[in-house]
Amino acid sequence: MRNWISFALLSLACVFVSGRGDVTTRDVPSTQTLKSTNGTDEVQWDSYSFLLRGQRILLYSGEFHTFRLPVPSLWPDILQKVKAAGLNAISVYTHAGLLNPSRNVTDLDGFRALEPLWEAALAAGLWIVLRPGGHCIGLWR
């Protein structure tokens, strides 16, 4: 048991000393063919992760709903806490019923505005996974 613990601590020390302790962006060889939209190769993916401009990105994401905290001035604090918790991305659902309150009307003011969210995420060093949708399952009936 003592040898196992010593080996584990030595391995952990080697990871930190080697500077390869960041597992969120790493060049990892893949035996699978990378996929893209064929419009650009800037973003590609396989069944394990994304490649952004040739750099493998593993997303560790938390969910953030702007309509649940409709005060944009509070968003930077929340996103800084997300980053401090060890995540590198947030998944953002945009509720179409809120962004489009009536036919042919798009409202991107106040808590519906997405630009303050982009700026706060950029300042916190977070990726955004935008999930536009027509409805929230189980939230409104």
Protein backbone atom coordinates (compact mmCIF):
# COMPACT_ATOMS: atom_id res chain seq x y z
CA MET A 1 0.00 0.00 0.00
CA ARG A 2 2.80 2.40 0.89
CA ASN A 3 4.55 1.73 -2.46
CA TRP A 4 1.33 2.45 -4.35
CA ILE A 5 0.87 5.81 -2.60
CA SER A 6 4.50 6.74 -3.25
CA PHE A 7 4.10 5.85 -6.93
CA ALA A 8 0.88 7.88 -7.19
CA LEU A 9 2.48 10.95 -5.60
CA LEU A 10 5.56 10.64 -7.81
CA SER A 11 3.38 10.38 -10.92
CA LEU A 12 1.39 13.44 -9.89
CA ALA A 13 4.59 15.40 -9.25
CA CYS A 14 5.90 14.46 -12.71
CA VAL A 15 2.73 15.77 -14.34
CA PHE A 16 3.06 19.15 -12.62
CA VAL A 17 6.80 19.44 -13.20
CA SER A 18 6.49 18.53 -16.87
CA GLY A 19 4.04 21.36 -17.45
CA ARG A 20 1.55 19.02 -19.08
CA GLY A 21 -0.99 19.20 -16.26
CA ASP A 22 -3.54 21.07 -18.40
CA VAL A 23 -5.85 18.43 -19.79
CA THR A 24 -8.29 20.85 -21.40
CA THR A 25 -6.08 21.67 -24.38
CA ARG A 26 -3.69 19.06 -25.56
CA ASP A 27 -2.46 17.54 -28.81
CA VAL A 28 -3.87 14.03 -28.55
CA PRO A 29 -3.42 11.69 -31.49
CA SER A 30 -6.65 10.35 -32.93
CA THR A 31 -7.14 7.24 -35.00
CA GLN A 32 -10.54 8.48 -36.11
CA THR A 33 -11.18 10.69 -39.11
CA LEU A 34 -11.91 14.24 -38.05
CA LYS A 35 -15.23 15.72 -39.08
CA SER A 36 -16.10 19.27 -40.11
CA THR A 37 -18.89 21.15 -41.83
CA ASN A 38 -16.82 21.26 -45.05
CA GLY A 39 -17.22 25.05 -44.99
CA THR A 40 -14.03 25.44 -42.98
CA ASP A 41 -11.52 23.31 -41.15
CA GLU A 42 -11.13 25.85 -38.33
CA VAL A 43 -13.38 23.67 -36.16
CA GLN A 44 -13.25 19.89 -36.41
CA TRP A 45 -14.32 17.09 -34.12
CA ASP A 46 -14.19 13.39 -33.44
CA SER A 47 -16.00 11.29 -30.84
CA TYR A 48 -13.68 12.55 -28.08
CA SER A 49 -13.34 16.32 -28.42
CA PHE A 50 -13.20 19.38 -30.66
CA LEU A 51 -10.17 20.63 -32.56
CA LEU A 52 -10.04 24.39 -32.87
CA ARG A 53 -7.39 25.52 -35.33
CA GLY A 54 -5.57 22.23 -34.81
CA GLN A 55 -5.61 22.34 -31.00
CA ARG A 56 -7.65 19.70 -29.18
CA ILE A 57 -10.18 21.23 -26.80
CA LEU A 58 -11.94 19.23 -24.10
CA LEU A 59 -14.96 21.14 -22.85
CA TYR A 60 -15.86 20.99 -19.18
CA SER A 61 -19.11 22.89 -19.19
CA GLY A 62 -21.71 24.18 -16.79
CA GLU A 63 -25.20 25.34 -17.71
CA PHE A 64 -26.12 29.04 -17.57
CA HIS A 65 -29.56 30.46 -18.32
CA THR A 66 -29.59 34.23 -18.75
CA PHE A 67 -33.37 34.36 -18.27
CA ARG A 68 -33.02 32.81 -14.79
CA LEU A 69 -30.68 35.62 -13.71
CA PRO A 70 -32.04 38.60 -15.68
CA VAL A 71 -29.46 41.09 -14.37
CA PRO A 72 -26.57 41.28 -16.89
CA SER A 73 -24.35 43.15 -14.41
CA LEU A 74 -24.26 39.98 -12.25
CA TRP A 75 -23.19 37.67 -15.08
CA PRO A 76 -19.41 38.39 -14.90
CA ASP A 77 -19.31 37.37 -11.22
CA ILE A 78 -21.11 34.09 -11.93
CA LEU A 79 -18.84 33.30 -14.89
CA GLN A 80 -15.71 34.03 -12.84
CA LYS A 81 -16.96 31.54 -10.25
CA VAL A 82 -17.59 28.98 -13.00
CA LYS A 83 -13.99 29.42 -14.17
CA ALA A 84 -12.69 29.20 -10.58
CA ALA A 85 -14.59 25.92 -10.16
CA GLY A 86 -12.41 24.42 -12.89
CA LEU A 87 -14.79 24.57 -15.84
CA ASN A 88 -13.68 26.00 -19.17
CA ALA A 89 -17.06 26.47 -20.87
CA ILE A 90 -20.69 27.31 -20.29
CA SER A 91 -23.66 25.98 -22.17
CA VAL A 92 -26.21 28.71 -22.83
CA TYR A 93 -29.80 28.01 -23.83
CA THR A 94 -31.58 30.81 -25.66
CA HIS A 95 -35.32 30.56 -25.24
CA ALA A 96 -36.97 31.49 -28.54
CA GLY A 97 -40.18 32.52 -26.77
CA LEU A 98 -38.28 35.23 -24.90
CA LEU A 99 -36.09 36.40 -27.79
CA ASN A 100 -39.08 36.48 -30.17
CA PRO A 101 -42.02 37.68 -28.05
CA SER A 102 -44.31 37.96 -31.10
CA ARG A 103 -44.26 37.11 -34.79
CA ASN A 104 -41.49 38.92 -36.71
CA VAL A 105 -40.25 40.66 -33.53
CA THR A 106 -36.79 39.98 -32.07
CA ASP A 107 -35.96 41.56 -28.71
CA LEU A 108 -32.28 41.47 -27.70
CA ASP A 109 -32.42 44.16 -25.01
CA GLY A 110 -31.83 43.87 -21.25
CA PHE A 111 -31.56 40.31 -20.01
CA ARG A 112 -32.23 39.07 -23.55
CA ALA A 113 -29.03 40.69 -24.83
CA LEU A 114 -26.32 38.17 -25.60
CA GLU A 115 -23.42 40.58 -26.15
CA PRO A 116 -22.86 41.20 -22.39
CA LEU A 117 -22.70 37.43 -21.95
CA TRP A 118 -20.08 37.07 -24.72
CA GLU A 119 -18.00 39.85 -23.15
CA ALA A 120 -18.24 38.34 -19.65
CA ALA A 121 -17.29 34.89 -20.96
CA LEU A 122 -14.34 36.31 -22.89
CA ALA A 123 -13.13 38.17 -19.79
CA ALA A 124 -13.46 35.01 -17.68
CA GLY A 125 -11.69 32.87 -20.30
CA LEU A 126 -14.67 30.60 -20.98
CA TRP A 127 -15.91 28.97 -24.17
CA ILE A 128 -19.63 29.26 -24.94
CA VAL A 129 -21.74 26.42 -26.29
CA LEU A 130 -24.80 28.21 -27.64
CA ARG A 131 -27.96 26.12 -27.78
CA PRO A 132 -30.72 28.03 -29.57
CA GLY A 133 -34.09 26.41 -29.28
CA GLY A 134 -37.77 26.71 -29.71
CA HIS A 135 -38.76 25.64 -26.22
CA CYS A 136 -37.40 24.40 -22.89
CA ILE A 137 -38.47 20.86 -22.15
CA GLY A 138 -40.22 20.73 -18.79
CA LEU A 139 -39.80 24.42 -17.97
CA TRP A 140 -42.97 25.90 -19.44
CA ARG A 141 -46.17 24.03 -20.16
